[in-house]
Amino acid sequence: MEAAGPGRRRRAGESRSCERLRAWRGCGCRGAGRAGWRYRGRCLGIVGLALEQAGCLPSGSLPNSCRYCRRGVAGMRSRQRMFAAVMRLLLKCLRLGRRRRFKLVRQAEQLWHYGHLCLRSLLYNSFTNGDVVLDSLFEPVYWLVDHVTRWFGVTYTPAWICWHLAYGHWNLIMIVFHYYMAITTSPGHPPQAKNDLTGVSICRKCIAPKPARTHHCSICNRCVLKMDHHCPWLNNCVGHYNHRYFFSFCLFMTMGCIYCSISGWEMFRDAYAAIERMKLLEKERLQVAANQTYYQTPPPTFSFRQRAFHKSVVYLWVLCSSVALALGALTLWHAALITRGETSIERHINRKERQRLQKKGKVFRNPYSYGSWDNWKVFLGVDVPRHWLTRVLLPSPHLPHGTGLSWDLPPCVTEQRAPLLAI
């Protein structure tokens, strides 16, 4: 049996701590409403509940602990949970930031170690000297010579390389400039208002004044000044203000294709021979594979990169040659028209007029032709000799002579001709 007071007797086999935990009596906490538990004059409700949760006391051994003790325990639990949640969130944020920071630091360290290793391999190697360092520094130059200059042909003289660099880039600049200007420049349109234009007719589709050399484009649905044709490759009409850009583009494009065809002739021959050799080796490889023994090895075949390279060279040469022929014929056609001082549409009109007058025994005379040389000067806008360099051989956005509404005598023409205002 138990003792009645603090000096109560210990049970058989019971430790001193257990004997102390059993020394409870009602505490009678103020405002408790019911008795709590005290040990030697102290309320042990909170401690007892903590021991009960820790497993030191059996569950339900403190049924009469005061409500203040239990409220304190509940508040302590909520504060602990809140503190634990805040700490977990803080640790998670620190862990994420640390990961990103560590990743950047790790990458920087790797780059530093790599650069340091490269530097040490160049400078702190016992086999390294000044010649090795210079060879390493000139390695990009060697690569450029091996992989770029072989495109210039079998001759590697400085004059040949300078010629290719200068002419190739000049031709490319002229092609891009004139093509861009031909696309973006308006060919010119007559005003829609009825003004005092002498010798004009009325367009039957626009119902508006139509100056001389003006024709209606059915695709643009507008009248175009000095219309030549509607070009689908430009998505624009070729007229008074962009006719020079169109012809210059065709001329320089033809020159570029001829240049590529001539320069790549040796490469084309080598690539074509390599393709034929590939076909022959492939046939031999199939024959050897059919009768292969342990002492025979099939001949080496070309890799995919080599086959693609040779076929690309052949395709490039064939394409440039074909474009040079087709576009060259078109350029010669327009050059003949410019020499006669007429456009594509005017050629058909002038031919019919020439046939009509020939039947009457008369000779047709084109009123817009000033002679072959002067026609080219008027078309290209050459007024002084230096314009052959600044306006023909270099990109120039100068405007043509006249406004396209009337056709007065250009200043570069010395021969006087009677102008005809309309056809």
Protein backbone atom coordinates (compact mmCIF):
# COMPACT_ATOMS: atom_id res chain seq x y z
CA MET A 1 0.00 0.00 0.00
CA GLU A 2 1.00 3.63 -0.48
CA ALA A 3 2.10 6.04 2.21
CA ALA A 4 -0.14 9.04 2.91
CA GLY A 5 2.40 11.87 2.83
CA PRO A 6 5.66 12.98 1.33
CA GLY A 7 7.36 10.36 3.35
CA ARG A 8 5.10 7.64 2.04
CA ARG A 9 6.72 4.28 1.56
CA ARG A 10 8.18 3.24 -1.88
CA ARG A 11 6.61 0.28 -3.62
CA ALA A 12 8.51 -2.86 -4.15
CA GLY A 13 10.70 -2.57 -7.29
CA GLU A 14 9.87 1.12 -7.74
CA SER A 15 12.59 3.70 -8.39
CA ARG A 16 12.87 6.98 -6.54
CA SER A 17 11.78 9.03 -9.57
CA CYS A 18 8.63 6.96 -9.94
CA GLU A 19 7.95 7.33 -6.22
CA ARG A 20 8.21 11.12 -6.61
CA LEU A 21 5.90 11.20 -9.60
CA ARG A 22 3.27 9.42 -7.58
CA ALA A 23 3.45 12.03 -4.78
CA TRP A 24 0.53 14.12 -6.04
CA ARG A 25 -2.18 15.89 -4.18
CA GLY A 26 -4.91 18.28 -5.18
CA CYS A 27 -3.49 21.77 -5.82
CA GLY A 28 -6.73 23.78 -5.70
CA CYS A 29 -5.45 26.40 -8.22
CA ARG A 30 -7.19 29.73 -7.96
CA GLY A 31 -10.08 29.91 -10.37
CA ALA A 32 -9.48 26.37 -11.52
CA GLY A 33 -12.97 25.23 -10.79
CA ARG A 34 -11.59 21.79 -10.03
CA ALA A 35 -8.52 20.48 -8.36
CA GLY A 36 -5.22 20.16 -10.21
CA TRP A 37 -2.15 18.21 -9.12
CA ARG A 38 0.72 19.38 -7.01
CA TYR A 39 3.93 17.86 -5.83
CA ARG A 40 5.40 19.21 -2.54
CA GLY A 41 3.36 22.41 -2.83
CA ARG A 42 3.97 23.06 -6.61
CA CYS A 43 1.55 22.62 -9.47
CA LEU A 44 2.86 19.99 -11.80
CA GLY A 45 0.14 20.16 -14.45
CA ILE A 46 2.31 21.46 -17.34
CA VAL A 47 5.25 19.29 -16.41
CA GLY A 48 3.00 16.29 -16.01
CA LEU A 49 1.37 16.83 -19.36
CA ALA A 50 4.78 17.17 -20.98
CA LEU A 51 5.89 13.95 -19.31
CA GLU A 52 2.68 12.27 -20.38
CA GLN A 53 3.30 13.26 -24.02
CA ALA A 54 6.92 12.20 -23.78
CA GLY A 55 5.82 8.72 -22.65
CA CYS A 56 7.20 8.94 -19.12
CA LEU A 57 3.66 8.68 -17.65
CA PRO A 58 0.83 6.51 -18.81
CA SER A 59 -1.85 8.24 -20.87
CA GLY A 60 -4.69 9.64 -18.70
CA SER A 61 -2.68 9.72 -15.50
CA LEU A 62 -3.28 13.47 -15.12
CA PRO A 63 -7.03 13.77 -15.50
CA ASN A 64 -7.47 16.64 -13.04
CA SER A 65 -4.76 19.07 -14.11
CA CYS A 66 -5.98 22.62 -13.95
CA ARG A 67 -7.34 24.32 -17.06
CA TYR A 68 -4.68 27.04 -16.80
CA CYS A 69 -2.05 24.34 -17.09
CA ARG A 70 -3.79 22.78 -20.08
CA ARG A 71 -4.31 26.22 -21.71
CA GLY A 72 -0.61 26.92 -21.25
CA VAL A 73 0.25 23.58 -22.78
CA ALA A 74 -2.04 24.28 -25.78
CA GLY A 75 -0.51 27.75 -26.28
CA MET A 76 2.93 26.28 -26.03
CA ARG A 77 2.03 23.70 -28.65
CA SER A 78 0.66 26.34 -31.07
CA ARG A 79 3.72 28.53 -30.62
CA GLN A 80 5.98 25.57 -31.21
CA ARG A 81 4.14 24.63 -34.38
CA MET A 82 4.22 28.21 -35.66
CA PHE A 83 7.90 28.55 -34.85
CA ALA A 84 8.64 25.23 -36.55
CA ALA A 85 6.71 26.28 -39.69
CA VAL A 86 8.52 29.61 -39.86
CA MET A 87 11.87 27.92 -39.44
CA ARG A 88 11.08 25.35 -42.12
CA LEU A 89 10.07 28.12 -44.56
CA LEU A 90 13.21 30.10 -43.77
CA LEU A 91 15.43 27.07 -44.23
CA LYS A 92 13.74 26.26 -47.52
CA CYS A 93 14.29 29.79 -48.84
CA LEU A 94 17.89 29.74 -47.72
CA ARG A 95 18.38 26.35 -49.34
CA LEU A 96 16.97 27.56 -52.70
CA GLY A 97 19.03 30.73 -52.67
CA ARG A 98 22.09 28.77 -51.68
CA ARG A 99 21.53 26.35 -54.56
CA ARG A 100 21.33 29.11 -57.15
CA ARG A 101 24.25 30.97 -55.67
CA PHE A 102 26.27 27.82 -55.43
CA LYS A 103 25.46 26.95 -59.06
CA LEU A 104 26.78 30.28 -60.33
CA VAL A 105 29.78 30.03 -58.07
CA ARG A 106 30.41 26.48 -59.27
CA GLN A 107 30.28 27.55 -62.92
CA ALA A 108 32.63 30.46 -62.25
CA GLU A 109 35.01 28.12 -60.48
CA GLN A 110 34.93 25.68 -63.39
CA LEU A 111 35.72 28.45 -65.88
CA TRP A 112 38.50 29.71 -63.66
CA HIS A 113 40.02 26.25 -63.27
CA TYR A 114 39.74 25.62 -67.02
CA GLY A 115 41.46 28.90 -67.88
CA HIS A 116 44.10 28.32 -65.25
CA LEU A 117 44.73 24.83 -66.62
CA CYS A 118 45.06 26.15 -70.17
CA LEU A 119 47.44 28.85 -69.03
CA ARG A 120 49.55 26.38 -67.08
CA SER A 121 49.62 23.97 -70.03
CA LEU A 122 51.01 26.76 -72.22
CA LEU A 123 53.45 28.38 -69.82
CA TYR A 124 54.41 25.85 -67.17
CA ASN A 125 55.08 22.82 -69.31
CA SER A 126 58.68 21.65 -69.36
CA PHE A 127 58.39 20.98 -73.13
CA THR A 128 56.95 24.43 -73.91
CA ASN A 129 59.05 27.17 -75.46
CA GLY A 130 58.47 30.30 -77.51
CA ASP A 131 57.91 28.38 -80.75
CA VAL A 132 55.09 26.33 -79.25
CA VAL A 133 53.40 29.44 -77.89
CA LEU A 134 53.59 31.18 -81.28
CA ASP A 135 52.23 28.11 -83.05
CA SER A 136 49.31 28.02 -80.64
CA LEU A 137 48.58 31.72 -81.15
CA PHE A 138 48.71 31.38 -84.94
CA GLU A 139 46.51 28.30 -85.00
CA PRO A 140 43.39 30.32 -86.04
CA VAL A 141 45.37 31.79 -88.93
CA TYR A 142 46.42 28.31 -90.05
CA TRP A 143 42.81 27.12 -89.87
CA LEU A 144 41.69 30.11 -91.96
CA VAL A 145 44.31 29.38 -94.59
CA ASP A 146 43.43 25.68 -94.74
CA HIS A 147 39.64 26.03 -94.85
CA VAL A 148 39.01 29.37 -96.59
CA THR A 149 41.74 30.06 -99.09
CA ARG A 150 41.19 26.74 -100.83
CA TRP A 151 37.92 28.16 -102.08
CA PHE A 152 39.92 30.67 -104.14
CA GLY A 153 41.30 27.98 -106.44
CA VAL A 154 44.59 26.25 -106.78
CA THR A 155 46.53 29.53 -106.99
CA TYR A 156 47.24 31.10 -103.62
CA THR A 157 49.05 34.24 -104.72
CA PRO A 158 48.21 37.44 -102.79
CA ALA A 159 47.05 39.19 -105.96
CA TRP A 160 44.56 36.40 -106.71
CA ILE A 161 43.19 36.45 -103.16
CA CYS A 162 42.86 40.25 -103.15
CA TRP A 163 41.04 40.15 -106.46
CA HIS A 164 38.50 37.63 -105.17
CA LEU A 165 37.94 39.53 -101.94
CA ALA A 166 37.54 42.92 -103.64
CA TYR A 167 35.44 41.88 -106.62
CA GLY A 168 33.28 39.41 -104.73
CA HIS A 169 32.29 41.85 -102.01
CA TRP A 170 31.77 44.72 -104.47
CA ASN A 171 29.51 42.58 -106.65
CA LEU A 172 27.55 41.38 -103.63
CA ILE A 173 27.02 44.93 -102.35
CA MET A 174 25.79 46.10 -105.75
CA ILE A 175 23.35 43.18 -106.02
CA VAL A 176 21.87 43.70 -102.56
CA PHE A 177 21.63 47.49 -102.93
CA HIS A 178 19.89 47.52 -106.31
CA TYR A 179 17.54 44.68 -105.40
CA TYR A 180 16.48 46.46 -102.22
CA MET A 181 15.98 49.76 -104.03
CA ALA A 182 14.01 48.09 -106.83
CA ILE A 183 11.64 46.57 -104.29
CA THR A 184 11.15 49.59 -102.05
CA THR A 185 11.14 52.39 -104.66
CA SER A 186 7.77 53.33 -106.13
CA PRO A 187 7.76 53.31 -109.95
CA GLY A 188 5.81 56.56 -110.01
CA HIS A 189 2.12 57.25 -110.57
CA PRO A 190 0.38 60.15 -112.31
CA PRO A 191 -1.73 62.53 -110.23
CA GLN A 192 -5.41 61.72 -110.05
CA ALA A 193 -6.49 65.36 -110.19
CA LYS A 194 -7.11 67.02 -113.55
CA ASN A 195 -4.28 69.49 -113.99
CA ASP A 196 -2.84 71.32 -116.95
CA LEU A 197 -0.92 68.45 -118.56
CA THR A 198 -0.45 68.99 -122.27
CA GLY A 199 -0.93 66.18 -124.72
CA VAL A 200 -2.27 63.57 -122.31
CA SER A 201 -4.97 61.00 -122.77
CA ILE A 202 -7.49 59.55 -120.38
CA CYS A 203 -7.05 56.08 -118.92
CA ARG A 204 -10.14 54.02 -119.67
CA LYS A 205 -9.76 52.08 -116.40
CA CYS A 206 -8.66 54.80 -113.98
CA ILE A 207 -10.73 57.54 -115.69
CA ALA A 208 -7.84 59.89 -114.94
CA PRO A 209 -5.24 61.83 -116.98
CA LYS A 210 -2.54 59.60 -118.44
CA PRO A 211 0.73 61.33 -119.42
CA ALA A 212 2.98 60.18 -122.24
CA ARG A 213 4.67 56.77 -121.81
CA THR A 214 2.24 55.95 -118.97
CA HIS A 215 0.35 52.65 -118.96
CA HIS A 216 -2.13 50.93 -116.70
CA CYS A 217 -1.00 47.91 -114.63
CA SER A 218 -3.78 45.38 -114.21
CA ILE A 219 -2.04 43.78 -111.20
CA CYS A 220 -1.44 47.01 -109.27
CA ASN A 221 -4.68 48.46 -110.69
CA ARG A 222 -2.98 51.82 -111.18
CA CYS A 223 -1.32 53.78 -113.95
CA VAL A 224 2.49 53.68 -113.86
CA LEU A 225 4.82 56.31 -115.28
CA LYS A 226 7.02 54.95 -118.09
CA MET A 227 5.88 51.44 -117.29
CA ASP A 228 8.08 48.59 -118.52
CA HIS A 229 6.43 45.56 -116.90
CA HIS A 230 5.23 44.15 -113.60
CA CYS A 231 7.98 41.98 -112.10
CA PRO A 232 6.80 39.11 -109.83
CA TRP A 233 10.33 38.70 -108.43
CA LEU A 234 10.19 42.26 -107.13
CA ASN A 235 6.45 42.24 -106.35
CA ASN A 236 6.49 45.71 -107.86
CA CYS A 237 6.07 47.47 -111.17
CA VAL A 238 9.16 48.55 -113.10
CA GLY A 239 8.63 52.17 -114.04
CA HIS A 240 10.20 55.59 -114.26
CA TYR A 241 11.81 55.75 -110.80
CA ASN A 242 13.02 52.15 -110.35
CA HIS A 243 13.83 51.07 -113.92
CA ARG A 244 17.54 51.73 -113.39
CA TYR A 245 17.56 49.72 -110.15
CA PHE A 246 15.91 46.77 -111.88
CA PHE A 247 18.34 46.70 -114.80
CA SER A 248 21.38 47.17 -112.53
CA PHE A 249 20.23 44.28 -110.35
CA CYS A 250 19.87 42.00 -113.38
CA LEU A 251 23.28 43.09 -114.70
CA PHE A 252 25.22 42.60 -111.46
CA MET A 253 23.39 39.37 -110.68
CA THR A 254 24.41 37.99 -114.07
CA MET A 255 27.99 39.11 -113.50
CA GLY A 256 27.99 37.43 -110.07
CA CYS A 257 26.70 34.13 -111.46
CA ILE A 258 29.28 34.17 -114.27
CA TYR A 259 31.99 34.95 -111.70
CA CYS A 260 30.94 32.00 -109.52
CA SER A 261 30.75 29.66 -112.50
CA ILE A 262 34.22 30.58 -113.76
CA SER A 263 35.83 30.58 -110.31
CA GLY A 264 34.25 27.28 -109.33
CA TRP A 265 35.03 25.42 -112.55
CA GLU A 266 38.02 23.57 -111.09
CA MET A 267 36.09 22.69 -107.96
CA PHE A 268 33.18 21.49 -110.09
CA ARG A 269 35.46 19.19 -112.08
CA ASP A 270 37.03 17.76 -108.92
CA ALA A 271 33.65 17.28 -107.25
CA TYR A 272 32.15 15.63 -110.33
CA ALA A 273 35.15 13.30 -110.60
CA ALA A 274 34.85 12.48 -106.89
CA ILE A 275 31.16 11.60 -107.30
CA GLU A 276 31.99 9.28 -110.19
CA ARG A 277 34.76 7.72 -108.12
CA MET A 278 32.31 7.25 -105.24
CA LYS A 279 29.92 5.39 -107.53
CA LEU A 280 32.72 3.16 -108.78
CA LEU A 281 33.99 2.41 -105.26
CA GLU A 282 30.50 1.64 -104.08
CA LYS A 283 30.07 -0.84 -106.92
CA GLU A 284 33.41 -2.46 -106.10
CA ARG A 285 32.55 -2.60 -102.42
CA LEU A 286 29.33 -4.46 -103.18
CA GLN A 287 31.18 -6.92 -105.40
CA VAL A 288 33.86 -7.49 -102.74
CA ALA A 289 31.25 -7.89 -100.01
CA ALA A 290 29.59 -10.62 -102.07
CA ASN A 291 32.87 -12.60 -102.31
CA GLN A 292 34.48 -11.45 -99.08
CA THR A 293 36.91 -13.72 -97.20
CA TYR A 294 38.80 -13.27 -93.97
CA TYR A 295 41.87 -12.04 -95.87
CA GLN A 296 40.07 -9.36 -97.91
CA THR A 297 39.05 -5.87 -96.76
CA PRO A 298 36.50 -3.78 -98.68
CA PRO A 299 37.80 -0.49 -100.10
CA PRO A 300 37.18 2.65 -98.03
CA THR A 301 34.01 4.58 -98.79
CA PHE A 302 33.36 8.29 -98.64
CA SER A 303 31.71 9.70 -95.54
CA PHE A 304 28.36 11.43 -95.60
CA ARG A 305 30.02 14.82 -95.16
CA GLN A 306 32.27 14.26 -98.17
CA ARG A 307 29.39 13.13 -100.35
CA ALA A 308 27.27 16.11 -99.30
CA PHE A 309 30.15 18.52 -99.95
CA HIS A 310 30.83 17.25 -103.48
CA LYS A 311 27.14 17.21 -104.39
CA SER A 312 26.72 20.75 -103.04
CA VAL A 313 29.59 22.00 -105.21
CA VAL A 314 28.05 20.40 -108.30
CA TYR A 315 24.63 21.83 -107.46
CA LEU A 316 26.11 25.30 -106.87
CA TRP A 317 27.90 25.34 -110.21
CA VAL A 318 24.89 24.08 -112.16
CA LEU A 319 22.59 26.60 -110.46
CA CYS A 320 24.92 29.56 -111.08
CA SER A 321 25.44 28.58 -114.69
CA SER A 322 21.70 28.18 -115.32
CA VAL A 323 20.85 31.51 -113.69
CA ALA A 324 23.65 33.19 -115.62
CA LEU A 325 22.19 31.95 -118.92
CA ALA A 326 18.56 32.81 -118.15
CA LEU A 327 19.15 36.12 -116.42
CA GLY A 328 21.86 37.04 -118.91
CA ALA A 329 19.39 36.67 -121.79
CA LEU A 330 16.89 38.92 -119.96
CA THR A 331 19.63 41.50 -119.28
CA LEU A 332 20.69 41.55 -122.93
CA TRP A 333 17.06 42.01 -123.95
CA HIS A 334 16.62 45.04 -121.71
CA ALA A 335 20.01 46.41 -122.77
CA ALA A 336 18.82 46.36 -126.39
CA LEU A 337 15.62 48.17 -125.40
CA ILE A 338 17.59 50.83 -123.49
CA THR A 339 19.86 51.31 -126.49
CA ARG A 340 16.82 52.04 -128.68
CA GLY A 341 15.27 54.28 -126.00
CA GLU A 342 12.09 52.30 -125.43
CA THR A 343 10.45 50.02 -122.87
CA SER A 344 8.99 46.55 -123.28
CA ILE A 345 5.48 47.91 -123.85
CA GLU A 346 6.68 50.63 -126.19
CA ARG A 347 8.50 48.08 -128.30
CA HIS A 348 5.22 46.43 -129.27
CA ILE A 349 3.58 49.83 -129.87
CA ASN A 350 6.52 51.10 -131.94
CA ARG A 351 6.66 47.91 -133.98
CA LYS A 352 3.00 48.25 -134.97
CA GLU A 353 3.51 51.92 -135.74
CA ARG A 354 6.61 51.14 -137.81
CA GLN A 355 4.69 48.56 -139.84
CA ARG A 356 1.80 50.97 -140.39
CA LEU A 357 4.06 53.76 -141.61
CA GLN A 358 6.11 51.37 -143.72
CA LYS A 359 3.03 50.50 -145.72
CA LYS A 360 2.60 54.21 -146.46
CA GLY A 361 6.23 54.55 -147.45
CA LYS A 362 7.26 56.48 -144.39
CA VAL A 363 9.96 55.87 -141.80
CA PHE A 364 9.12 55.67 -138.12
CA ARG A 365 11.23 57.70 -135.71
CA ASN A 366 11.14 57.09 -131.96
CA PRO A 367 10.69 60.52 -130.33
CA TYR A 368 12.28 59.35 -127.04
CA SER A 369 15.50 58.01 -128.57
CA TYR A 370 18.51 60.36 -128.47
CA GLY A 371 21.04 57.96 -129.95
CA SER A 372 22.56 54.82 -128.48
CA TRP A 373 25.20 56.51 -126.31
CA ASP A 374 22.94 59.32 -125.15
CA ASN A 375 20.17 56.85 -124.34
CA TRP A 376 22.49 55.08 -121.91
CA LYS A 377 23.58 58.36 -120.37
CA VAL A 378 19.97 59.43 -119.87
CA PHE A 379 19.00 56.04 -118.45
CA LEU A 380 21.91 55.85 -116.00
CA GLY A 381 21.77 59.54 -115.06
CA VAL A 382 25.32 60.33 -116.21
CA ASP A 383 25.70 64.10 -116.66
CA VAL A 384 29.49 64.45 -116.18
CA PRO A 385 32.29 61.88 -116.66
CA ARG A 386 32.79 61.32 -112.92
CA HIS A 387 29.23 60.04 -112.70
CA TRP A 388 30.35 56.82 -114.38
CA LEU A 389 32.18 56.06 -111.14
CA THR A 390 29.87 57.57 -108.53
CA ARG A 391 26.53 56.63 -110.13
CA VAL A 392 27.27 53.48 -112.12
CA LEU A 393 30.14 51.60 -110.45
CA LEU A 394 29.11 52.57 -106.91
CA PRO A 395 25.69 52.40 -105.18
CA SER A 396 23.81 55.63 -105.86
CA PRO A 397 20.18 56.51 -105.04
CA HIS A 398 20.00 59.46 -107.49
CA LEU A 399 16.73 60.15 -109.28
CA PRO A 400 16.28 59.81 -113.06
CA HIS A 401 15.91 62.77 -115.39
CA GLY A 402 12.50 64.36 -115.48
CA THR A 403 9.35 63.74 -113.50
CA GLY A 404 7.79 61.19 -115.84
CA LEU A 405 4.91 63.58 -116.60
CA SER A 406 6.66 65.48 -119.40
CA TRP A 407 9.71 64.56 -121.44
CA ASP A 408 11.94 67.55 -121.98
CA LEU A 409 15.42 67.32 -123.42
CA PRO A 410 17.88 66.07 -120.75
CA PRO A 411 20.95 68.24 -120.11
CA CYS A 412 23.35 65.46 -121.08
CA VAL A 413 21.93 65.27 -124.63
CA THR A 414 23.46 67.59 -127.19
CA GLU A 415 21.43 66.60 -130.27
CA GLN A 416 18.08 68.40 -130.48
CA ARG A 417 15.07 66.35 -131.41
CA ALA A 418 11.45 67.27 -131.71
CA PRO A 419 9.70 65.80 -128.68
CA LEU A 420 6.51 63.80 -129.01
CA LEU A 421 4.33 64.06 -125.95
CA ALA A 422 2.17 60.98 -126.39
CA ILE A 423 2.06 57.74 -128.28
